[in-house]
Amino acid sequence: RLADQIENFAREKGYPLRVPHIASIFWLSFSEQPIQRADQIEAPGMEKFKSLHHELLQRGVYLGPSGYEVGFVSAAHSDADLDFAAEQICRALEVVFSV
């Protein structure tokens, strides 16, 4: 759900972002191509992730600080938590892609 909300938003905006996920694990990939290995992550994408991370901290959402890390959704996250996170991530992406 969270991954789909973010990826759909990015697609609507035309942002080169993918949100691969497996069950409750997800990660953000600043690429139009699928990333299968860490060595496929390019420097510009890592810079975008760094900017996103800082923007999200200001918005009350914590993701790991490295573009190599994954996020986790758990039973502790309510629907309201996930909606809040999705909204803040989408707003932060607007900031990151406006630079």
PDB file of N, CA and C in Angstrom:
ATOM      1  N   ARG A   1       0.821  -1.193   0.000  1.00  0.00           N
ATOM      2  CA  ARG A   1       0.000   0.000   0.000  1.00  0.00           C
ATOM      3  C   ARG A   1       0.869   1.262   0.000  1.00  0.00           C
ATOM      4  N   LEU A   2       1.780   1.393   0.959  1.00  0.00           N
ATOM      5  CA  LEU A   2       2.654   2.567   1.036  1.00  0.00           C
ATOM      6  C   LEU A   2       3.487   2.690  -0.237  1.00  0.00           C
ATOM      7  N   ALA A   3       4.112   1.598  -0.625  1.00  0.00           N
ATOM      8  CA  ALA A   3       4.962   1.607  -1.823  1.00  0.00           C
ATOM      9  C   ALA A   3       4.148   1.987  -3.054  1.00  0.00           C
ATOM     10  N   ASP A   4       2.955   1.439  -3.175  1.00  0.00           N
ATOM     11  CA  ASP A   4       2.110   1.741  -4.333  1.00  0.00           C
ATOM     12  C   ASP A   4       1.704   3.210  -4.366  1.00  0.00           C
ATOM     13  N   GLN A   5       1.363   3.770  -3.204  1.00  0.00           N
ATOM     14  CA  GLN A   5       0.978   5.183  -3.151  1.00  0.00           C
ATOM     15  C   GLN A   5       2.125   6.072  -3.631  1.00  0.00           C
ATOM     16  N   ILE A   6       3.322   5.783  -3.154  1.00  0.00           N
ATOM     17  CA  ILE A   6       4.482   6.598  -3.513  1.00  0.00           C
ATOM     18  C   ILE A   6       4.808   6.438  -4.999  1.00  0.00           C
ATOM     19  N   GLU A   7       4.828   5.203  -5.460  1.00  0.00           N
ATOM     20  CA  GLU A   7       5.186   4.963  -6.863  1.00  0.00           C
ATOM     21  C   GLU A   7       4.142   5.551  -7.815  1.00  0.00           C
ATOM     22  N   ASN A   8       2.869   5.445  -7.467  1.00  0.00           N
ATOM     23  CA  ASN A   8       1.823   6.030  -8.310  1.00  0.00           C
ATOM     24  C   ASN A   8       1.967   7.547  -8.381  1.00  0.00           C
ATOM     25  N   PHE A   9       2.263   8.174  -7.246  1.00  0.00           N
ATOM     26  CA  PHE A   9       2.477   9.621  -7.215  1.00  0.00           C
ATOM     27  C   PHE A   9       3.644   9.998  -8.119  1.00  0.00           C
ATOM     28  N   ALA A  10       4.753   9.287  -7.969  1.00  0.00           N
ATOM     29  CA  ALA A  10       5.948   9.579  -8.770  1.00  0.00           C
ATOM     30  C   ALA A  10       5.656   9.409 -10.259  1.00  0.00           C
ATOM     31  N   ARG A  11       4.927   8.379 -10.598  1.00  0.00           N
ATOM     32  CA  ARG A  11       4.585   8.133 -12.009  1.00  0.00           C
ATOM     33  C   ARG A  11       3.721   9.274 -12.555  1.00  0.00           C
ATOM     34  N   GLU A  12       2.714   9.701 -11.762  1.00  0.00           N
ATOM     35  CA  GLU A  12       1.845  10.805 -12.190  1.00  0.00           C
ATOM     36  C   GLU A  12       2.637  12.089 -12.418  1.00  0.00           C
ATOM     37  N   LYS A  13       3.651  12.317 -11.595  1.00  0.00           N
ATOM     38  CA  LYS A  13       4.470  13.526 -11.694  1.00  0.00           C
ATOM     39  C   LYS A  13       5.584  13.397 -12.737  1.00  0.00           C
ATOM     40  N   GLY A  14       5.820  12.177 -13.206  1.00  0.00           N
ATOM     41  CA  GLY A  14       6.896  11.950 -14.163  1.00  0.00           C
ATOM     42  C   GLY A  14       8.271  11.883 -13.521  1.00  0.00           C
ATOM     43  N   TYR A  15       8.320  11.592 -12.224  1.00  0.00           N
ATOM     44  CA  TYR A  15       9.598  11.491 -11.517  1.00  0.00           C
ATOM     45  C   TYR A  15      10.241  10.134 -11.795  1.00  0.00           C
ATOM     46  N   PRO A  16      11.545  10.103 -12.029  1.00  0.00           N
ATOM     47  CA  PRO A  16      12.245   8.828 -12.229  1.00  0.00           C
ATOM     48  C   PRO A  16      12.470   8.140 -10.880  1.00  0.00           C
ATOM     49  N   LEU A  17      11.442   7.485 -10.386  1.00  0.00           N
ATOM     50  CA  LEU A  17      11.494   6.834  -9.077  1.00  0.00           C
ATOM     51  C   LEU A  17      10.726   5.530  -9.137  1.00  0.00           C
ATOM     52  N   ARG A  18      11.321   4.518  -8.569  1.00  0.00           N
ATOM     53  CA  ARG A  18      10.650   3.225  -8.414  1.00  0.00           C
ATOM     54  C   ARG A  18      10.634   2.896  -6.930  1.00  0.00           C
ATOM     55  N   VAL A  19       9.617   2.156  -6.520  1.00  0.00           N
ATOM     56  CA  VAL A  19       9.522   1.731  -5.127  1.00  0.00           C
ATOM     57  C   VAL A  19       9.307   0.216  -5.115  1.00  0.00           C
ATOM     58  N   PRO A  20      10.384  -0.528  -5.347  1.00  0.00           N
ATOM     59  CA  PRO A  20      10.260  -1.984  -5.291  1.00  0.00           C
ATOM     60  C   PRO A  20       9.894  -2.419  -3.870  1.00  0.00           C
ATOM     61  N   HIS A  21       9.124  -3.486  -3.776  1.00  0.00           N
ATOM     62  CA  HIS A  21       8.767  -3.988  -2.450  1.00  0.00           C
ATOM     63  C   HIS A  21       8.511  -5.489  -2.507  1.00  0.00           C
ATOM     64  N   ILE A  22       8.808  -6.096  -1.391  1.00  0.00           N
ATOM     65  CA  ILE A  22       8.558  -7.521  -1.193  1.00  0.00           C
ATOM     66  C   ILE A  22       7.921  -7.634   0.178  1.00  0.00           C
ATOM     67  N   ALA A  23       6.658  -8.035   0.204  1.00  0.00           N
ATOM     68  CA  ALA A  23       5.908  -8.113   1.462  1.00  0.00           C
ATOM     69  C   ALA A  23       5.999  -6.765   2.174  1.00  0.00           C
ATOM     70  N   SER A  24       6.563  -6.714   3.375  1.00  0.00           N
ATOM     71  CA  SER A  24       6.591  -5.468   4.153  1.00  0.00           C
ATOM     72  C   SER A  24       7.878  -4.672   3.976  1.00  0.00           C
ATOM     73  N   ILE A  25       8.762  -5.110   3.101  1.00  0.00           N
ATOM     74  CA  ILE A  25      10.038  -4.422   2.871  1.00  0.00           C
ATOM     75  C   ILE A  25       9.924  -3.600   1.584  1.00  0.00           C
ATOM     76  N   PHE A  26      10.407  -2.358   1.643  1.00  0.00           N
ATOM     77  CA  PHE A  26      10.398  -1.514   0.447  1.00  0.00           C
ATOM     78  C   PHE A  26      11.668  -0.677   0.407  1.00  0.00           C
ATOM     79  N   TRP A  27      11.985  -0.172  -0.761  1.00  0.00           N
ATOM     80  CA  TRP A  27      13.105   0.758  -0.890  1.00  0.00           C
ATOM     81  C   TRP A  27      12.793   1.720  -2.026  1.00  0.00           C
ATOM     82  N   LEU A  28      13.444   2.873  -1.968  1.00  0.00           N
ATOM     83  CA  LEU A  28      13.244   3.897  -2.982  1.00  0.00           C
ATOM     84  C   LEU A  28      14.425   3.891  -3.931  1.00  0.00           C
ATOM     85  N   SER A  29      14.139   3.826  -5.200  1.00  0.00           N
ATOM     86  CA  SER A  29      15.173   3.768  -6.223  1.00  0.00           C
ATOM     87  C   SER A  29      14.981   4.940  -7.181  1.00  0.00           C
ATOM     88  N   PHE A  30      15.912   5.881  -7.170  1.00  0.00           N
ATOM     89  CA  PHE A  30      15.829   7.044  -8.046  1.00  0.00           C
ATOM     90  C   PHE A  30      16.353   6.674  -9.424  1.00  0.00           C
ATOM     91  N   SER A  31      15.556   5.897 -10.130  1.00  0.00           N
ATOM     92  CA  SER A  31      15.934   5.398 -11.446  1.00  0.00           C
ATOM     93  C   SER A  31      14.672   5.003 -12.200  1.00  0.00           C
ATOM     94  N   GLU A  32      14.713   5.130 -13.506  1.00  0.00           N
ATOM     95  CA  GLU A  32      13.601   4.646 -14.313  1.00  0.00           C
ATOM     96  C   GLU A  32      13.752   3.160 -14.611  1.00  0.00           C
ATOM     97  N   GLN A  33      14.964   2.652 -14.422  1.00  0.00           N
ATOM     98  CA  GLN A  33      15.246   1.240 -14.681  1.00  0.00           C
ATOM     99  C   GLN A  33      15.219   0.461 -13.367  1.00  0.00           C
ATOM    100  N   PRO A  34      14.823  -0.792 -13.409  1.00  0.00           N
ATOM    101  CA  PRO A  34      14.861  -1.606 -12.189  1.00  0.00           C
ATOM    102  C   PRO A  34      16.299  -1.758 -11.686  1.00  0.00           C
ATOM    103  N   ILE A  35      16.464  -1.660 -10.397  1.00  0.00           N
ATOM    104  CA  ILE A  35      17.767  -1.850  -9.760  1.00  0.00           C
ATOM    105  C   ILE A  35      17.759  -3.240  -9.126  1.00  0.00           C
ATOM    106  N   GLN A  36      18.703  -4.064  -9.526  1.00  0.00           N
ATOM    107  CA  GLN A  36      18.789  -5.426  -9.002  1.00  0.00           C
ATOM    108  C   GLN A  36      19.947  -5.605  -8.027  1.00  0.00           C
ATOM    109  N   ARG A  37      20.965  -4.735  -8.157  1.00  0.00           N
ATOM    110  CA  ARG A  37      22.165  -4.854  -7.321  1.00  0.00           C
ATOM    111  C   ARG A  37      22.600  -3.461  -6.870  1.00  0.00           C
ATOM    112  N   ALA A  38      23.274  -3.405  -5.743  1.00  0.00           N
ATOM    113  CA  ALA A  38      23.736  -2.125  -5.195  1.00  0.00           C
ATOM    114  C   ALA A  38      24.654  -1.388  -6.164  1.00  0.00           C
ATOM    115  N   ASP A  39      25.456  -2.106  -6.930  1.00  0.00           N
ATOM    116  CA  ASP A  39      26.389  -1.427  -7.836  1.00  0.00           C
ATOM    117  C   ASP A  39      25.685  -0.766  -9.031  1.00  0.00           C
ATOM    118  N   GLN A  40      24.387  -0.974  -9.162  1.00  0.00           N
ATOM    119  CA  GLN A  40      23.619  -0.316 -10.218  1.00  0.00           C
ATOM    120  C   GLN A  40      23.078   1.049  -9.778  1.00  0.00           C
ATOM    121  N   ILE A  41      23.205   1.357  -8.498  1.00  0.00           N
ATOM    122  CA  ILE A  41      22.729   2.641  -7.983  1.00  0.00           C
ATOM    123  C   ILE A  41      23.748   3.708  -8.348  1.00  0.00           C
ATOM    124  N   GLU A  42      23.294   4.728  -9.043  1.00  0.00           N
ATOM    125  CA  GLU A  42      24.198   5.773  -9.518  1.00  0.00           C
ATOM    126  C   GLU A  42      24.250   6.942  -8.539  1.00  0.00           C
ATOM    127  N   ALA A  43      25.349   7.685  -8.579  1.00  0.00           N
ATOM    128  CA  ALA A  43      25.594   8.794  -7.649  1.00  0.00           C
ATOM    129  C   ALA A  43      24.465   9.829  -7.624  1.00  0.00           C
ATOM    130  N   PRO A  44      23.920  10.249  -8.767  1.00  0.00           N
ATOM    131  CA  PRO A  44      22.836  11.241  -8.691  1.00  0.00           C
ATOM    132  C   PRO A  44      21.633  10.747  -7.881  1.00  0.00           C
ATOM    133  N   GLY A  45      21.336   9.466  -7.985  1.00  0.00           N
ATOM    134  CA  GLY A  45      20.244   8.891  -7.202  1.00  0.00           C
ATOM    135  C   GLY A  45      20.537   8.909  -5.721  1.00  0.00           C
ATOM    136  N   MET A  46      21.789   8.674  -5.372  1.00  0.00           N
ATOM    137  CA  MET A  46      22.181   8.716  -3.961  1.00  0.00           C
ATOM    138  C   MET A  46      22.063  10.135  -3.417  1.00  0.00           C
ATOM    139  N   GLU A  47      22.402  11.120  -4.229  1.00  0.00           N
ATOM    140  CA  GLU A  47      22.269  12.520  -3.801  1.00  0.00           C
ATOM    141  C   GLU A  47      20.799  12.882  -3.605  1.00  0.00           C
ATOM    142  N   LYS A  48      19.949  12.404  -4.499  1.00  0.00           N
ATOM    143  CA  LYS A  48      18.510  12.648  -4.345  1.00  0.00           C
ATOM    144  C   LYS A  48      18.005  12.002  -3.057  1.00  0.00           C
ATOM    145  N   PHE A  49      18.470  10.781  -2.775  1.00  0.00           N
ATOM    146  CA  PHE A  49      18.025  10.103  -1.561  1.00  0.00           C
ATOM    147  C   PHE A  49      18.477  10.877  -0.328  1.00  0.00           C
ATOM    148  N   LYS A  50      19.694  11.370  -0.347  1.00  0.00           N
ATOM    149  CA  LYS A  50      20.211  12.155   0.779  1.00  0.00           C
ATOM    150  C   LYS A  50      19.324  13.381   1.018  1.00  0.00           C
ATOM    151  N   SER A  51      18.974  14.070  -0.040  1.00  0.00           N
ATOM    152  CA  SER A  51      18.087  15.233   0.078  1.00  0.00           C
ATOM    153  C   SER A  51      16.716  14.824   0.602  1.00  0.00           C
ATOM    154  N   LEU A  52      16.201  13.713   0.097  1.00  0.00           N
ATOM    155  CA  LEU A  52      14.906  13.211   0.554  1.00  0.00           C
ATOM    156  C   LEU A  52      14.956  12.877   2.037  1.00  0.00           C
ATOM    157  N   HIS A  53      16.007  12.207   2.459  1.00  0.00           N
ATOM    158  CA  HIS A  53      16.151  11.823   3.867  1.00  0.00           C
ATOM    159  C   HIS A  53      16.066  13.055   4.765  1.00  0.00           C
ATOM    160  N   HIS A  54      16.806  14.097   4.439  1.00  0.00           N
ATOM    161  CA  HIS A  54      16.801  15.320   5.254  1.00  0.00           C
ATOM    162  C   HIS A  54      15.426  15.991   5.236  1.00  0.00           C
ATOM    163  N   GLU A  55      14.802  16.021   4.095  1.00  0.00           N
ATOM    164  CA  GLU A  55      13.466  16.620   3.986  1.00  0.00           C
ATOM    165  C   GLU A  55      12.456  15.841   4.823  1.00  0.00           C
ATOM    166  N   LEU A  56      12.560  14.513   4.812  1.00  0.00           N
ATOM    167  CA  LEU A  56      11.623  13.691   5.580  1.00  0.00           C
ATOM    168  C   LEU A  56      11.816  13.856   7.081  1.00  0.00           C
ATOM    169  N   LEU A  57      13.047  14.003   7.530  1.00  0.00           N
ATOM    170  CA  LEU A  57      13.283  14.225   8.960  1.00  0.00           C
ATOM    171  C   LEU A  57      12.548  15.478   9.429  1.00  0.00           C
ATOM    172  N   GLN A  58      12.556  16.506   8.606  1.00  0.00           N
ATOM    173  CA  GLN A  58      11.856  17.743   8.954  1.00  0.00           C
ATOM    174  C   GLN A  58      10.342  17.549   8.976  1.00  0.00           C
ATOM    175  N   ARG A  59       9.876  16.518   8.311  1.00  0.00           N
ATOM    176  CA  ARG A  59       8.439  16.251   8.214  1.00  0.00           C
ATOM    177  C   ARG A  59       7.976  15.145   9.158  1.00  0.00           C
ATOM    178  N   GLY A  60       8.879  14.660  10.006  1.00  0.00           N
ATOM    179  CA  GLY A  60       8.491  13.654  10.991  1.00  0.00           C
ATOM    180  C   GLY A  60       8.466  12.226  10.489  1.00  0.00           C
ATOM    181  N   VAL A  61       9.163  11.954   9.388  1.00  0.00           N
ATOM    182  CA  VAL A  61       9.231  10.595   8.843  1.00  0.00           C
ATOM    183  C   VAL A  61      10.696  10.180   8.803  1.00  0.00           C
ATOM    184  N   TYR A  62      10.990   9.013   9.375  1.00  0.00           N
ATOM    185  CA  TYR A  62      12.371   8.532   9.378  1.00  0.00           C
ATOM    186  C   TYR A  62      12.513   7.342   8.445  1.00  0.00           C
ATOM    187  N   LEU A  63      13.410   7.489   7.480  1.00  0.00           N
ATOM    188  CA  LEU A  63      13.900   6.371   6.671  1.00  0.00           C
ATOM    189  C   LEU A  63      15.388   6.280   6.949  1.00  0.00           C
ATOM    190  N   GLY A  64      15.968   5.119   6.776  1.00  0.00           N
ATOM    191  CA  GLY A  64      17.406   4.982   6.958  1.00  0.00           C
ATOM    192  C   GLY A  64      18.144   6.026   6.136  1.00  0.00           C
ATOM    193  N   PRO A  65      19.311   6.478   6.602  1.00  0.00           N
ATOM    194  CA  PRO A  65      20.011   7.588   5.963  1.00  0.00           C
ATOM    195  C   PRO A  65      20.718   7.258   4.652  1.00  0.00           C
ATOM    196  N   SER A  66      20.775   6.000   4.280  1.00  0.00           N
ATOM    197  CA  SER A  66      21.500   5.611   3.076  1.00  0.00           C
ATOM    198  C   SER A  66      20.541   5.091   2.010  1.00  0.00           C
ATOM    199  N   GLY A  67      20.807   5.434   0.774  1.00  0.00           N
ATOM    200  CA  GLY A  67      20.018   4.928  -0.339  1.00  0.00           C
ATOM    201  C   GLY A  67      20.166   3.434  -0.560  1.00  0.00           C
ATOM    202  N   TYR A  68      21.060   2.809   0.191  1.00  0.00           N
ATOM    203  CA  TYR A  68      21.235   1.354   0.105  1.00  0.00           C
ATOM    204  C   TYR A  68      20.335   0.612   1.092  1.00  0.00           C
ATOM    205  N   GLU A  69      19.664   1.343   1.968  1.00  0.00           N
ATOM    206  CA  GLU A  69      18.861   0.713   3.013  1.00  0.00           C
ATOM    207  C   GLU A  69      17.423   0.515   2.553  1.00  0.00           C
ATOM    208  N   VAL A  70      16.732  -0.352   3.258  1.00  0.00           N
ATOM    209  CA  VAL A  70      15.328  -0.611   2.978  1.00  0.00           C
ATOM    210  C   VAL A  70      14.479  -0.073   4.120  1.00  0.00           C
ATOM    211  N   GLY A  71      13.199   0.099   3.841  1.00  0.00           N
ATOM    212  CA  GLY A  71      12.236   0.475   4.866  1.00  0.00           C
ATOM    213  C   GLY A  71      11.360  -0.722   5.184  1.00  0.00           C
ATOM    214  N   PHE A  72      10.749  -0.667   6.345  1.00  0.00           N
ATOM    215  CA  PHE A  72       9.897  -1.763   6.789  1.00  0.00           C
ATOM    216  C   PHE A  72       8.551  -1.224   7.248  1.00  0.00           C
ATOM    217  N   VAL A  73       7.497  -1.916   6.895  1.00  0.00           N
ATOM    218  CA  VAL A  73       6.166  -1.638   7.418  1.00  0.00           C
ATOM    219  C   VAL A  73       5.841  -2.793   8.349  1.00  0.00           C
ATOM    220  N   SER A  74       5.274  -2.474   9.513  1.00  0.00           N
ATOM    221  CA  SER A  74       4.944  -3.538  10.460  1.00  0.00           C
ATOM    222  C   SER A  74       3.506  -3.396  10.946  1.00  0.00           C
ATOM    223  N   ALA A  75       3.063  -4.370  11.725  1.00  0.00           N
ATOM    224  CA  ALA A  75       1.717  -4.335  12.294  1.00  0.00           C
ATOM    225  C   ALA A  75       1.550  -3.164  13.255  1.00  0.00           C
ATOM    226  N   ALA A  76       2.654  -2.599  13.714  1.00  0.00           N
ATOM    227  CA  ALA A  76       2.589  -1.435  14.604  1.00  0.00           C
ATOM    228  C   ALA A  76       2.166  -0.174  13.854  1.00  0.00           C
ATOM    229  N   HIS A  77       2.278  -0.176  12.527  1.00  0.00           N
ATOM    230  CA  HIS A  77       1.894   0.988  11.728  1.00  0.00           C
ATOM    231  C   HIS A  77       0.401   0.920  11.402  1.00  0.00           C
ATOM    232  N   SER A  78      -0.326   1.940  11.823  1.00  0.00           N
ATOM    233  CA  SER A  78      -1.756   2.004  11.516  1.00  0.00           C
ATOM    234  C   SER A  78      -1.953   2.526  10.093  1.00  0.00           C
ATOM    235  N   ASP A  79      -3.175   2.422   9.602  1.00  0.00           N
ATOM    236  CA  ASP A  79      -3.481   2.993   8.289  1.00  0.00           C
ATOM    237  C   ASP A  79      -3.184   4.489   8.287  1.00  0.00           C
ATOM    238  N   ALA A  80      -3.494   5.155   9.395  1.00  0.00           N
ATOM    239  CA  ALA A  80      -3.221   6.592   9.499  1.00  0.00           C
ATOM    240  C   ALA A  80      -1.721   6.866   9.433  1.00  0.00           C
ATOM    241  N   ASP A  81      -0.915   6.013  10.079  1.00  0.00           N
ATOM    242  CA  ASP A  81       0.545   6.164  10.018  1.00  0.00           C
ATOM    243  C   ASP A  81       1.035   6.051   8.577  1.00  0.00           C
ATOM    244  N   LEU A  82       0.544   5.048   7.875  1.00  0.00           N
ATOM    245  CA  LEU A  82       0.978   4.814   6.497  1.00  0.00           C
ATOM    246  C   LEU A  82       0.523   5.933   5.565  1.00  0.00           C
ATOM    247  N   ASP A  83      -0.697   6.419   5.774  1.00  0.00           N
ATOM    248  CA  ASP A  83      -1.180   7.540   4.964  1.00  0.00           C
ATOM    249  C   ASP A  83      -0.351   8.794   5.222  1.00  0.00           C
ATOM    250  N   PHE A  84      -0.014   9.035   6.497  1.00  0.00           N
ATOM    251  CA  PHE A  84       0.824  10.183   6.852  1.00  0.00           C
ATOM    252  C   PHE A  84       2.189  10.056   6.184  1.00  0.00           C
ATOM    253  N   ALA A  85       2.795   8.884   6.300  1.00  0.00           N
ATOM    254  CA  ALA A  85       4.121   8.665   5.702  1.00  0.00           C
ATOM    255  C   ALA A  85       4.069   8.864   4.192  1.00  0.00           C
ATOM    256  N   ALA A  86       3.068   8.297   3.542  1.00  0.00           N
ATOM    257  CA  ALA A  86       2.948   8.434   2.087  1.00  0.00           C
ATOM    258  C   ALA A  86       2.798   9.900   1.696  1.00  0.00           C
ATOM    259  N   GLU A  87       1.950  10.620   2.405  1.00  0.00           N
ATOM    260  CA  GLU A  87       1.735  12.040   2.095  1.00  0.00           C
ATOM    261  C   GLU A  87       3.023  12.836   2.262  1.00  0.00           C
ATOM    262  N   GLN A  88       3.742  12.596   3.348  1.00  0.00           N
ATOM    263  CA  GLN A  88       4.974  13.341   3.603  1.00  0.00           C
ATOM    264  C   GLN A  88       6.070  12.970   2.602  1.00  0.00           C
ATOM    265  N   ILE A  89       6.154  11.704   2.249  1.00  0.00           N
ATOM    266  CA  ILE A  89       7.145  11.285   1.256  1.00  0.00           C
ATOM    267  C   ILE A  89       6.832  11.936  -0.090  1.00  0.00           C
ATOM    268  N   CYS A  90       5.574  11.962  -0.464  1.00  0.00           N
ATOM    269  CA  CYS A  90       5.193  12.586  -1.738  1.00  0.00           C
ATOM    270  C   CYS A  90       5.498  14.078  -1.733  1.00  0.00           C
ATOM    271  N   ARG A  91       5.178  14.765  -0.638  1.00  0.00           N
ATOM    272  CA  ARG A  91       5.482  16.205  -0.545  1.00  0.00           C
ATOM    273  C   ARG A  91       6.993  16.442  -0.578  1.00  0.00           C
ATOM    274  N   ALA A  92       7.737  15.571   0.099  1.00  0.00           N
ATOM    275  CA  ALA A  92       9.201  15.703   0.109  1.00  0.00           C
ATOM    276  C   ALA A  92       9.772  15.456  -1.284  1.00  0.00           C
ATOM    277  N   LEU A  93       9.204  14.517  -2.015  1.00  0.00           N
ATOM    278  CA  LEU A  93       9.661  14.268  -3.385  1.00  0.00           C
ATOM    279  C   LEU A  93       9.456  15.500  -4.260  1.00  0.00           C
ATOM    280  N   GLU A  94       8.364  16.219  -4.050  1.00  0.00           N
ATOM    281  CA  GLU A  94       8.148  17.452  -4.815  1.00  0.00           C
ATOM    282  C   GLU A  94       9.280  18.439  -4.569  1.00  0.00           C
ATOM    283  N   VAL A  95       9.718  18.537  -3.324  1.00  0.00           N
ATOM    284  CA  VAL A  95      10.821  19.443  -2.987  1.00  0.00           C
ATOM    285  C   VAL A  95      12.114  18.960  -3.638  1.00  0.00           C
ATOM    286  N   VAL A  96      12.403  17.680  -3.487  1.00  0.00           N
ATOM    287  CA  VAL A  96      13.651  17.109  -4.012  1.00  0.00           C
ATOM    288  C   VAL A  96      13.732  17.263  -5.531  1.00  0.00           C
ATOM    289  N   PHE A  97      12.632  17.033  -6.215  1.00  0.00           N
ATOM    290  CA  PHE A  97      12.657  17.110  -7.676  1.00  0.00           C
ATOM    291  C   PHE A  97      12.495  18.537  -8.205  1.00  0.00           C
ATOM    292  N   SER A  98      12.242  19.492  -7.329  1.00  0.00           N
ATOM    293  CA  SER A  98      12.130  20.881  -7.783  1.00  0.00           C
ATOM    294  C   SER A  98      13.483  21.577  -7.827  1.00  0.00           C
ATOM    295  N   VAL A  99      14.496  20.939  -7.256  1.00  0.00           N
ATOM    296  CA  VAL A  99      15.841  21.542  -7.205  1.00  0.00           C
ATOM    297  C   VAL A  99      16.596  21.262  -8.481  1.00  0.00           C
TER     298      VAL A  99
END
